Amino acid sequence: MSHPNSPHVTSKYLSNFQGKTVRVIGKVGQKQGTSVLLYTTDNGQIWVDRSKNLQKDYTSPIVEILGTYQNNSLTEIEFLDLSENFDFELYNQMVDLSYQLKDIFF
């Protein structure tokens, strides 16, 4: 995926990134038009606008979304299918640690 400097976030950190490109991991939920509801690793929910990336379907129920966060939703730029065995708890710990050690991660 491009945008190597985009931070990994969970729903509790999203409000800090208005207008920024971020990475969010979660479980794919219901579809509504060109949007998909994503259940984040920390039990949050966010709508993902896929209108610019409809040519590719998710092949896994667990995905990483690279997108721009704006007005409580993500506009998808790219996605990565992940293993159904992806460890949400370990990921949440990594994200929390990255915010505790901002000087190293950001």
PDB file of N, CA and C in Angstrom:
ATOM      1  N   MET A   1       0.843  -1.184   0.000  1.00  0.00           N
ATOM      2  CA  MET A   1       0.000   0.000   0.000  1.00  0.00           C
ATOM      3  C   MET A   1       0.884   1.243   0.000  1.00  0.00           C
ATOM      4  N   SER A   2       0.459   2.249  -0.699  1.00  0.00           N
ATOM      5  CA  SER A   2       1.209   3.502  -0.718  1.00  0.00           C
ATOM      6  C   SER A   2       0.942   4.299   0.559  1.00  0.00           C
ATOM      7  N   HIS A   3       1.417   5.516   0.614  1.00  0.00           N
ATOM      8  CA  HIS A   3       1.259   6.383   1.782  1.00  0.00           C
ATOM      9  C   HIS A   3       1.919   5.782   3.022  1.00  0.00           C
ATOM     10  N   PRO A   4       3.228   5.559   2.986  1.00  0.00           N
ATOM     11  CA  PRO A   4       3.905   4.877   4.091  1.00  0.00           C
ATOM     12  C   PRO A   4       3.864   5.621   5.422  1.00  0.00           C
ATOM     13  N   ASN A   5       3.604   6.918   5.422  1.00  0.00           N
ATOM     14  CA  ASN A   5       3.593   7.674   6.667  1.00  0.00           C
ATOM     15  C   ASN A   5       2.213   7.839   7.274  1.00  0.00           C
ATOM     16  N   SER A   6       1.231   7.133   6.771  1.00  0.00           N
ATOM     17  CA  SER A   6      -0.114   7.246   7.320  1.00  0.00           C
ATOM     18  C   SER A   6      -0.218   6.396   8.585  1.00  0.00           C
ATOM     19  N   PRO A   7      -0.706   6.986   9.680  1.00  0.00           N
ATOM     20  CA  PRO A   7      -0.739   6.272  10.956  1.00  0.00           C
ATOM     21  C   PRO A   7      -1.839   5.214  11.019  1.00  0.00           C
ATOM     22  N   HIS A   8      -1.565   4.184  11.790  1.00  0.00           N
ATOM     23  CA  HIS A   8      -2.587   3.203  12.143  1.00  0.00           C
ATOM     24  C   HIS A   8      -3.405   3.800  13.277  1.00  0.00           C
ATOM     25  N   VAL A   9      -4.723   3.722  13.171  1.00  0.00           N
ATOM     26  CA  VAL A   9      -5.590   4.274  14.208  1.00  0.00           C
ATOM     27  C   VAL A   9      -6.727   3.303  14.510  1.00  0.00           C
ATOM     28  N   THR A  10      -7.289   3.464  15.681  1.00  0.00           N
ATOM     29  CA  THR A  10      -8.536   2.796  16.050  1.00  0.00           C
ATOM     30  C   THR A  10      -9.590   3.890  16.159  1.00  0.00           C
ATOM     31  N   SER A  11     -10.830   3.515  16.374  1.00  0.00           N
ATOM     32  CA  SER A  11     -11.903   4.515  16.375  1.00  0.00           C
ATOM     33  C   SER A  11     -11.690   5.589  17.440  1.00  0.00           C
ATOM     34  N   LYS A  12     -11.066   5.228  18.550  1.00  0.00           N
ATOM     35  CA  LYS A  12     -10.901   6.230  19.615  1.00  0.00           C
ATOM     36  C   LYS A  12      -9.916   7.335  19.255  1.00  0.00           C
ATOM     37  N   TYR A  13      -9.078   7.139  18.248  1.00  0.00           N
ATOM     38  CA  TYR A  13      -8.108   8.161  17.842  1.00  0.00           C
ATOM     39  C   TYR A  13      -8.514   8.910  16.571  1.00  0.00           C
ATOM     40  N   LEU A  14      -9.558   8.468  15.899  1.00  0.00           N
ATOM     41  CA  LEU A  14      -9.910   9.048  14.603  1.00  0.00           C
ATOM     42  C   LEU A  14     -10.160  10.551  14.653  1.00  0.00           C
ATOM     43  N   SER A  15     -10.774  11.046  15.711  1.00  0.00           N
ATOM     44  CA  SER A  15     -11.112  12.474  15.764  1.00  0.00           C
ATOM     45  C   SER A  15      -9.879  13.370  15.696  1.00  0.00           C
ATOM     46  N   ASN A  16      -8.698  12.822  15.972  1.00  0.00           N
ATOM     47  CA  ASN A  16      -7.453  13.592  15.892  1.00  0.00           C
ATOM     48  C   ASN A  16      -6.948  13.743  14.459  1.00  0.00           C
ATOM     49  N   PHE A  17      -7.632  13.133  13.507  1.00  0.00           N
ATOM     50  CA  PHE A  17      -7.102  13.061  12.146  1.00  0.00           C
ATOM     51  C   PHE A  17      -8.068  13.576  11.079  1.00  0.00           C
ATOM     52  N   GLN A  18      -8.860  14.590  11.387  1.00  0.00           N
ATOM     53  CA  GLN A  18      -9.759  15.184  10.395  1.00  0.00           C
ATOM     54  C   GLN A  18      -8.962  15.620   9.164  1.00  0.00           C
ATOM     55  N   GLY A  19      -9.390  15.171   7.993  1.00  0.00           N
ATOM     56  CA  GLY A  19      -8.752  15.563   6.745  1.00  0.00           C
ATOM     57  C   GLY A  19      -7.431  14.874   6.459  1.00  0.00           C
ATOM     58  N   LYS A  20      -7.046  13.913   7.290  1.00  0.00           N
ATOM     59  CA  LYS A  20      -5.758  13.220   7.138  1.00  0.00           C
ATOM     60  C   LYS A  20      -5.968  11.804   6.606  1.00  0.00           C
ATOM     61  N   THR A  21      -4.911  11.258   6.024  1.00  0.00           N
ATOM     62  CA  THR A  21      -4.921   9.881   5.554  1.00  0.00           C
ATOM     63  C   THR A  21      -4.476   8.968   6.684  1.00  0.00           C
ATOM     64  N   VAL A  22      -5.281   7.940   6.967  1.00  0.00           N
ATOM     65  CA  VAL A  22      -5.021   7.009   8.067  1.00  0.00           C
ATOM     66  C   VAL A  22      -5.255   5.579   7.601  1.00  0.00           C
ATOM     67  N   ARG A  23      -4.854   4.642   8.458  1.00  0.00           N
ATOM     68  CA  ARG A  23      -5.104   3.212   8.236  1.00  0.00           C
ATOM     69  C   ARG A  23      -5.985   2.702   9.372  1.00  0.00           C
ATOM     70  N   VAL A  24      -7.071   2.039   9.017  1.00  0.00           N
ATOM     71  CA  VAL A  24      -8.001   1.491  10.001  1.00  0.00           C
ATOM     72  C   VAL A  24      -8.252   0.034   9.644  1.00  0.00           C
ATOM     73  N   ILE A  25      -8.191  -0.829  10.641  1.00  0.00           N
ATOM     74  CA  ILE A  25      -8.458  -2.257  10.436  1.00  0.00           C
ATOM     75  C   ILE A  25      -9.780  -2.609  11.094  1.00  0.00           C
ATOM     76  N   GLY A  26     -10.530  -3.478  10.431  1.00  0.00           N
ATOM     77  CA  GLY A  26     -11.792  -3.894  11.013  1.00  0.00           C
ATOM     78  C   GLY A  26     -12.468  -4.988  10.218  1.00  0.00           C
ATOM     79  N   LYS A  27     -13.662  -5.317  10.690  1.00  0.00           N
ATOM     80  CA  LYS A  27     -14.480  -6.355  10.068  1.00  0.00           C
ATOM     81  C   LYS A  27     -15.545  -5.689   9.206  1.00  0.00           C
ATOM     82  N   VAL A  28     -15.678  -6.181   7.988  1.00  0.00           N
ATOM     83  CA  VAL A  28     -16.630  -5.623   7.032  1.00  0.00           C
ATOM     84  C   VAL A  28     -18.050  -5.964   7.467  1.00  0.00           C
ATOM     85  N   GLY A  29     -18.893  -4.946   7.517  1.00  0.00           N
ATOM     86  CA  GLY A  29     -20.293  -5.124   7.885  1.00  0.00           C
ATOM     87  C   GLY A  29     -21.201  -4.893   6.692  1.00  0.00           C
ATOM     88  N   GLN A  30     -22.351  -4.316   6.966  1.00  0.00           N
ATOM     89  CA  GLN A  30     -23.366  -4.117   5.924  1.00  0.00           C
ATOM     90  C   GLN A  30     -22.919  -3.121   4.866  1.00  0.00           C
ATOM     91  N   LYS A  31     -23.497  -3.307   3.688  1.00  0.00           N
ATOM     92  CA  LYS A  31     -23.239  -2.398   2.574  1.00  0.00           C
ATOM     93  C   LYS A  31     -24.470  -1.531   2.369  1.00  0.00           C
ATOM     94  N   GLN A  32     -24.213  -0.284   1.995  1.00  0.00           N
ATOM     95  CA  GLN A  32     -25.303   0.641   1.695  1.00  0.00           C
ATOM     96  C   GLN A  32     -24.851   1.520   0.539  1.00  0.00           C
ATOM     97  N   GLY A  33     -25.357   1.238  -0.643  1.00  0.00           N
ATOM     98  CA  GLY A  33     -24.912   1.965  -1.829  1.00  0.00           C
ATOM     99  C   GLY A  33     -23.441   1.696  -2.082  1.00  0.00           C
ATOM    100  N   THR A  34     -22.644   2.762  -2.150  1.00  0.00           N
ATOM    101  CA  THR A  34     -21.204   2.615  -2.375  1.00  0.00           C
ATOM    102  C   THR A  34     -20.418   2.643  -1.065  1.00  0.00           C
ATOM    103  N   SER A  35     -21.119   2.545   0.063  1.00  0.00           N
ATOM    104  CA  SER A  35     -20.455   2.570   1.374  1.00  0.00           C
ATOM    105  C   SER A  35     -20.568   1.230   2.083  1.00  0.00           C
ATOM    106  N   VAL A  36     -19.612   0.999   2.975  1.00  0.00           N
ATOM    107  CA  VAL A  36     -19.572  -0.218   3.782  1.00  0.00           C
ATOM    108  C   VAL A  36     -19.363   0.197   5.233  1.00  0.00           C
ATOM    109  N   LEU A  37     -20.069  -0.462   6.139  1.00  0.00           N
ATOM    110  CA  LEU A  37     -19.863  -0.228   7.562  1.00  0.00           C
ATOM    111  C   LEU A  37     -18.704  -1.099   8.021  1.00  0.00           C
ATOM    112  N   LEU A  38     -17.714  -0.485   8.657  1.00  0.00           N
ATOM    113  CA  LEU A  38     -16.552  -1.207   9.162  1.00  0.00           C
ATOM    114  C   LEU A  38     -16.614  -1.220  10.682  1.00  0.00           C
ATOM    115  N   TYR A  39     -16.550  -2.427  11.269  1.00  0.00           N
ATOM    116  CA  TYR A  39     -16.488  -2.584  12.720  1.00  0.00           C
ATOM    117  C   TYR A  39     -15.017  -2.619  13.103  1.00  0.00           C
ATOM    118  N   THR A  40     -14.543  -1.564  13.742  1.00  0.00           N
ATOM    119  CA  THR A  40     -13.121  -1.426  14.025  1.00  0.00           C
ATOM    120  C   THR A  40     -12.664  -2.389  15.115  1.00  0.00           C
ATOM    121  N   THR A  41     -11.367  -2.541  15.232  1.00  0.00           N
ATOM    122  CA  THR A  41     -10.782  -3.498  16.173  1.00  0.00           C
ATOM    123  C   THR A  41     -11.095  -3.169  17.624  1.00  0.00           C
ATOM    124  N   ASP A  42     -11.452  -1.913  17.902  1.00  0.00           N
ATOM    125  CA  ASP A  42     -11.789  -1.520  19.277  1.00  0.00           C
ATOM    126  C   ASP A  42     -13.297  -1.354  19.456  1.00  0.00           C
ATOM    127  N   ASN A  43     -14.068  -2.072  18.651  1.00  0.00           N
ATOM    128  CA  ASN A  43     -15.529  -2.118  18.726  1.00  0.00           C
ATOM    129  C   ASN A  43     -16.218  -0.822  18.332  1.00  0.00           C
ATOM    130  N   GLY A  44     -15.544   0.013  17.572  1.00  0.00           N
ATOM    131  CA  GLY A  44     -16.180   1.194  17.012  1.00  0.00           C
ATOM    132  C   GLY A  44     -16.790   0.860  15.663  1.00  0.00           C
ATOM    133  N   GLN A  45     -17.460   1.832  15.084  1.00  0.00           N
ATOM    134  CA  GLN A  45     -18.047   1.673  13.758  1.00  0.00           C
ATOM    135  C   GLN A  45     -17.743   2.913  12.939  1.00  0.00           C
ATOM    136  N   ILE A  46     -17.447   2.706  11.671  1.00  0.00           N
ATOM    137  CA  ILE A  46     -17.219   3.828  10.768  1.00  0.00           C
ATOM    138  C   ILE A  46     -17.668   3.434   9.366  1.00  0.00           C
ATOM    139  N   TRP A  47     -18.310   4.389   8.695  1.00  0.00           N
ATOM    140  CA  TRP A  47     -18.702   4.160   7.311  1.00  0.00           C
ATOM    141  C   TRP A  47     -17.522   4.449   6.404  1.00  0.00           C
ATOM    142  N   VAL A  48     -17.325   3.568   5.430  1.00  0.00           N
ATOM    143  CA  VAL A  48     -16.244   3.706   4.459  1.00  0.00           C
ATOM    144  C   VAL A  48     -16.868   3.956   3.088  1.00  0.00           C
ATOM    145  N   ASP A  49     -16.541   5.101   2.501  1.00  0.00           N
ATOM    146  CA  ASP A  49     -17.006   5.440   1.154  1.00  0.00           C
ATOM    147  C   ASP A  49     -16.072   4.780   0.150  1.00  0.00           C
ATOM    148  N   ARG A  50     -16.604   3.830  -0.606  1.00  0.00           N
ATOM    149  CA  ARG A  50     -15.807   3.070  -1.571  1.00  0.00           C
ATOM    150  C   ARG A  50     -16.012   3.565  -2.995  1.00  0.00           C
ATOM    151  N   SER A  51     -16.673   4.683  -3.191  1.00  0.00           N
ATOM    152  CA  SER A  51     -17.062   5.120  -4.537  1.00  0.00           C
ATOM    153  C   SER A  51     -15.879   5.313  -5.485  1.00  0.00           C
ATOM    154  N   LYS A  52     -14.688   5.560  -4.962  1.00  0.00           N
ATOM    155  CA  LYS A  52     -13.508   5.736  -5.819  1.00  0.00           C
ATOM    156  C   LYS A  52     -12.742   4.432  -6.030  1.00  0.00           C
ATOM    157  N   ASN A  53     -13.214   3.336  -5.436  1.00  0.00           N
ATOM    158  CA  ASN A  53     -12.463   2.077  -5.481  1.00  0.00           C
ATOM    159  C   ASN A  53     -13.392   0.875  -5.665  1.00  0.00           C
ATOM    160  N   LEU A  54     -14.466   1.050  -6.405  1.00  0.00           N
ATOM    161  CA  LEU A  54     -15.464  -0.016  -6.544  1.00  0.00           C
ATOM    162  C   LEU A  54     -15.040  -1.165  -7.449  1.00  0.00           C
ATOM    163  N   GLN A  55     -13.991  -0.976  -8.234  1.00  0.00           N
ATOM    164  CA  GLN A  55     -13.592  -2.020  -9.176  1.00  0.00           C
ATOM    165  C   GLN A  55     -13.032  -3.260  -8.485  1.00  0.00           C
ATOM    166  N   LYS A  56     -12.660  -3.157  -7.217  1.00  0.00           N
ATOM    167  CA  LYS A  56     -12.111  -4.299  -6.479  1.00  0.00           C
ATOM    168  C   LYS A  56     -12.988  -4.598  -5.270  1.00  0.00           C
ATOM    169  N   ASP A  57     -13.342  -5.869  -5.117  1.00  0.00           N
ATOM    170  CA  ASP A  57     -14.131  -6.289  -3.960  1.00  0.00           C
ATOM    171  C   ASP A  57     -13.222  -6.830  -2.871  1.00  0.00           C
ATOM    172  N   TYR A  58     -13.669  -6.705  -1.644  1.00  0.00           N
ATOM    173  CA  TYR A  58     -12.965  -7.342  -0.533  1.00  0.00           C
ATOM    174  C   TYR A  58     -13.126  -8.853  -0.688  1.00  0.00           C
ATOM    175  N   THR A  59     -12.061  -9.613  -0.423  1.00  0.00           N
ATOM    176  CA  THR A  59     -12.159 -11.073  -0.467  1.00  0.00           C
ATOM    177  C   THR A  59     -12.054 -11.681   0.922  1.00  0.00           C
ATOM    178  N   SER A  60     -11.865 -10.848   1.927  1.00  0.00           N
ATOM    179  CA  SER A  60     -11.796 -11.292   3.314  1.00  0.00           C
ATOM    180  C   SER A  60     -12.737 -10.422   4.141  1.00  0.00           C
ATOM    181  N   PRO A  61     -13.303 -10.974   5.209  1.00  0.00           N
ATOM    182  CA  PRO A  61     -14.147 -10.144   6.068  1.00  0.00           C
ATOM    183  C   PRO A  61     -13.346  -9.174   6.940  1.00  0.00           C
ATOM    184  N   ILE A  62     -12.019  -9.349   7.004  1.00  0.00           N
ATOM    185  CA  ILE A  62     -11.147  -8.468   7.782  1.00  0.00           C
ATOM    186  C   ILE A  62     -10.263  -7.704   6.798  1.00  0.00           C
ATOM    187  N   VAL A  63     -10.291  -6.368   6.884  1.00  0.00           N
ATOM    188  CA  VAL A  63      -9.539  -5.548   5.939  1.00  0.00           C
ATOM    189  C   VAL A  63      -8.830  -4.398   6.644  1.00  0.00           C
ATOM    190  N   GLU A  64      -7.768  -3.935   5.995  1.00  0.00           N
ATOM    191  CA  GLU A  64      -7.137  -2.681   6.393  1.00  0.00           C
ATOM    192  C   GLU A  64      -7.528  -1.654   5.338  1.00  0.00           C
ATOM    193  N   ILE A  65      -8.080  -0.546   5.786  1.00  0.00           N
ATOM    194  CA  ILE A  65      -8.487   0.524   4.888  1.00  0.00           C
ATOM    195  C   ILE A  65      -7.486   1.661   4.998  1.00  0.00           C
ATOM    196  N   LEU A  66      -6.965   2.088   3.885  1.00  0.00           N
ATOM    197  CA  LEU A  66      -6.192   3.320   3.804  1.00  0.00           C
ATOM    198  C   LEU A  66      -7.159   4.345   3.245  1.00  0.00           C
ATOM    199  N   GLY A  67      -7.424   5.387   4.022  1.00  0.00           N
ATOM    200  CA  GLY A  67      -8.402   6.360   3.568  1.00  0.00           C
ATOM    201  C   GLY A  67      -8.258   7.694   4.253  1.00  0.00           C
ATOM    202  N   THR A  68      -8.995   8.648   3.753  1.00  0.00           N
ATOM    203  CA  THR A  68      -9.008   9.991   4.325  1.00  0.00           C
ATOM    204  C   THR A  68     -10.198  10.104   5.261  1.00  0.00           C
ATOM    205  N   TYR A  69      -9.923  10.529   6.493  1.00  0.00           N
ATOM    206  CA  TYR A  69     -10.974  10.662   7.497  1.00  0.00           C
ATOM    207  C   TYR A  69     -11.561  12.063   7.444  1.00  0.00           C
ATOM    208  N   GLN A  70     -12.872  12.146   7.285  1.00  0.00           N
ATOM    209  CA  GLN A  70     -13.550  13.437   7.228  1.00  0.00           C
ATOM    210  C   GLN A  70     -15.000  13.240   7.629  1.00  0.00           C
ATOM    211  N   ASN A  71     -15.486  14.075   8.536  1.00  0.00           N
ATOM    212  CA  ASN A  71     -16.902  14.059   8.925  1.00  0.00           C
ATOM    213  C   ASN A  71     -17.386  12.672   9.344  1.00  0.00           C
ATOM    214  N   ASN A  72     -16.637  12.029  10.205  1.00  0.00           N
ATOM    215  CA  ASN A  72     -17.008  10.728  10.774  1.00  0.00           C
ATOM    216  C   ASN A  72     -17.108   9.596   9.758  1.00  0.00           C
ATOM    217  N   SER A  73     -16.384   9.708   8.647  1.00  0.00           N
ATOM    218  CA  SER A  73     -16.329   8.601   7.692  1.00  0.00           C
ATOM    219  C   SER A  73     -14.959   8.582   7.023  1.00  0.00           C
ATOM    220  N   LEU A  74     -14.669   7.458   6.384  1.00  0.00           N
ATOM    221  CA  LEU A  74     -13.417   7.301   5.644  1.00  0.00           C
ATOM    222  C   LEU A  74     -13.721   7.237   4.157  1.00  0.00           C
ATOM    223  N   THR A  75     -12.939   7.935   3.366  1.00  0.00           N
ATOM    224  CA  THR A  75     -12.998   7.779   1.922  1.00  0.00           C
ATOM    225  C   THR A  75     -11.844   6.866   1.538  1.00  0.00           C
ATOM    226  N   GLU A  76     -12.180   5.677   1.082  1.00  0.00           N
ATOM    227  CA  GLU A  76     -11.170   4.660   0.795  1.00  0.00           C
ATOM    228  C   GLU A  76     -10.277   5.064  -0.371  1.00  0.00           C
ATOM    229  N   ILE A  77      -8.973   4.912  -0.155  1.00  0.00           N
ATOM    230  CA  ILE A  77      -7.979   5.091  -1.211  1.00  0.00           C
ATOM    231  C   ILE A  77      -7.531   3.721  -1.704  1.00  0.00           C
ATOM    232  N   GLU A  78      -7.191   2.865  -0.746  1.00  0.00           N
ATOM    233  CA  GLU A  78      -6.768   1.486  -1.022  1.00  0.00           C
ATOM    234  C   GLU A  78      -7.239   0.604   0.126  1.00  0.00           C
ATOM    235  N   PHE A  79      -7.196  -0.690  -0.094  1.00  0.00           N
ATOM    236  CA  PHE A  79      -7.485  -1.625   0.987  1.00  0.00           C
ATOM    237  C   PHE A  79      -6.571  -2.827   0.859  1.00  0.00           C
ATOM    238  N   LEU A  80      -6.467  -3.549   1.949  1.00  0.00           N
ATOM    239  CA  LEU A  80      -5.686  -4.779   1.985  1.00  0.00           C
ATOM    240  C   LEU A  80      -6.515  -5.826   2.708  1.00  0.00           C
ATOM    241  N   ASP A  81      -6.761  -6.964   2.055  1.00  0.00           N
ATOM    242  CA  ASP A  81      -7.447  -8.073   2.717  1.00  0.00           C
ATOM    243  C   ASP A  81      -6.503  -8.687   3.739  1.00  0.00           C
ATOM    244  N   LEU A  82      -7.020  -8.979   4.929  1.00  0.00           N
ATOM    245  CA  LEU A  82      -6.221  -9.575   5.995  1.00  0.00           C
ATOM    246  C   LEU A  82      -6.772 -10.945   6.369  1.00  0.00           C
ATOM    247  N   SER A  83      -5.992 -11.690   7.114  1.00  0.00           N
ATOM    248  CA  SER A  83      -6.397 -13.017   7.575  1.00  0.00           C
ATOM    249  C   SER A  83      -7.593 -12.914   8.518  1.00  0.00           C
ATOM    250  N   GLU A  84      -8.467 -13.894   8.426  1.00  0.00           N
ATOM    251  CA  GLU A  84      -9.598 -13.952   9.354  1.00  0.00           C
ATOM    252  C   GLU A  84      -9.134 -14.188  10.784  1.00  0.00           C
ATOM    253  N   ASN A  85      -7.880 -14.595  10.957  1.00  0.00           N
ATOM    254  CA  ASN A  85      -7.313 -14.830  12.291  1.00  0.00           C
ATOM    255  C   ASN A  85      -6.577 -13.609  12.832  1.00  0.00           C
ATOM    256  N   PHE A  86      -6.743 -12.456  12.204  1.00  0.00           N
ATOM    257  CA  PHE A  86      -6.055 -11.243  12.638  1.00  0.00           C
ATOM    258  C   PHE A  86      -6.396 -10.959  14.099  1.00  0.00           C
ATOM    259  N   ASP A  87      -5.382 -10.665  14.911  1.00  0.00           N
ATOM    260  CA  ASP A  87      -5.551 -10.466  16.353  1.00  0.00           C
ATOM    261  C   ASP A  87      -5.911  -9.005  16.650  1.00  0.00           C
ATOM    262  N   PHE A  88      -7.200  -8.741  16.842  1.00  0.00           N
ATOM    263  CA  PHE A  88      -7.660  -7.377  17.109  1.00  0.00           C
ATOM    264  C   PHE A  88      -7.066  -6.824  18.402  1.00  0.00           C
ATOM    265  N   GLU A  89      -7.018  -7.623  19.439  1.00  0.00           N
ATOM    266  CA  GLU A  89      -6.518  -7.145  20.735  1.00  0.00           C
ATOM    267  C   GLU A  89      -5.047  -6.746  20.652  1.00  0.00           C
ATOM    268  N   LEU A  90      -4.244  -7.560  20.006  1.00  0.00           N
ATOM    269  CA  LEU A  90      -2.824  -7.231  19.858  1.00  0.00           C
ATOM    270  C   LEU A  90      -2.648  -5.956  19.025  1.00  0.00           C
ATOM    271  N   TYR A  91      -3.443  -5.816  17.985  1.00  0.00           N
ATOM    272  CA  TYR A  91      -3.392  -4.604  17.165  1.00  0.00           C
ATOM    273  C   TYR A  91      -3.755  -3.373  17.998  1.00  0.00           C
ATOM    274  N   ASN A  92      -4.814  -3.480  18.805  1.00  0.00           N
ATOM    275  CA  ASN A  92      -5.213  -2.355  19.660  1.00  0.00           C
ATOM    276  C   ASN A  92      -4.087  -1.963  20.606  1.00  0.00           C
ATOM    277  N   GLN A  93      -3.404  -2.946  21.160  1.00  0.00           N
ATOM    278  CA  GLN A  93      -2.276  -2.664  22.052  1.00  0.00           C
ATOM    279  C   GLN A  93      -1.157  -1.945  21.304  1.00  0.00           C
ATOM    280  N   MET A  94      -0.883  -2.367  20.074  1.00  0.00           N
ATOM    281  CA  MET A  94       0.152  -1.721  19.270  1.00  0.00           C
ATOM    282  C   MET A  94      -0.213  -0.266  18.982  1.00  0.00           C
ATOM    283  N   VAL A  95      -1.461  -0.023  18.623  1.00  0.00           N
ATOM    284  CA  VAL A  95      -1.894   1.346  18.336  1.00  0.00           C
ATOM    285  C   VAL A  95      -1.796   2.203  19.592  1.00  0.00           C
ATOM    286  N   ASP A  96      -2.270   1.694  20.723  1.00  0.00           N
ATOM    287  CA  ASP A  96      -2.178   2.449  21.981  1.00  0.00           C
ATOM    288  C   ASP A  96      -0.728   2.762  22.327  1.00  0.00           C
ATOM    289  N   LEU A  97       0.137   1.792  22.155  1.00  0.00           N
ATOM    290  CA  LEU A  97       1.558   1.992  22.451  1.00  0.00           C
ATOM    291  C   LEU A  97       2.166   3.046  21.529  1.00  0.00           C
ATOM    292  N   SER A  98       1.760   3.049  20.277  1.00  0.00           N
ATOM    293  CA  SER A  98       2.302   4.043  19.344  1.00  0.00           C
ATOM    294  C   SER A  98       1.917   5.461  19.758  1.00  0.00           C
ATOM    295  N   TYR A  99       0.766   5.632  20.392  1.00  0.00           N
ATOM    296  CA  TYR A  99       0.363   6.962  20.853  1.00  0.00           C
ATOM    297  C   TYR A  99       1.045   7.330  22.166  1.00  0.00           C
ATOM    298  N   GLN A 100       1.388   6.344  22.963  1.00  0.00           N
ATOM    299  CA  GLN A 100       2.142   6.608  24.193  1.00  0.00           C
ATOM    300  C   GLN A 100       3.584   6.979  23.872  1.00  0.00           C
ATOM    301  N   LEU A 101       4.109   6.470  22.765  1.00  0.00           N
ATOM    302  CA  LEU A 101       5.495   6.723  22.357  1.00  0.00           C
ATOM    303  C   LEU A 101       5.519   7.493  21.035  1.00  0.00           C
ATOM    304  N   LYS A 102       4.797   8.595  20.981  1.00  0.00           N
ATOM    305  CA  LYS A 102       4.644   9.371  19.746  1.00  0.00           C
ATOM    306  C   LYS A 102       5.975   9.760  19.113  1.00  0.00           C
ATOM    307  N   ASP A 103       6.973  10.051  19.929  1.00  0.00           N
ATOM    308  CA  ASP A 103       8.268  10.480  19.385  1.00  0.00           C
ATOM    309  C   ASP A 103       8.912   9.404  18.512  1.00  0.00           C
ATOM    310  N   ILE A 104       8.612   8.162  18.788  1.00  0.00           N
ATOM    311  CA  ILE A 104       9.176   7.059  18.010  1.00  0.00           C
ATOM    312  C   ILE A 104       8.335   6.775  16.766  1.00  0.00           C
ATOM    313  N   PHE A 105       7.020   6.823  16.923  1.00  0.00           N
ATOM    314  CA  PHE A 105       6.123   6.387  15.854  1.00  0.00           C
ATOM    315  C   PHE A 105       5.656   7.493  14.914  1.00  0.00           C
ATOM    316  N   PHE A 106       5.678   8.747  15.364  1.00  0.00           N
ATOM    317  CA  PHE A 106       5.135   9.831  14.522  1.00  0.00           C
ATOM    318  C   PHE A 106       6.182  10.878  14.258  1.00  0.00           C
TER     319      PHE A 106
END
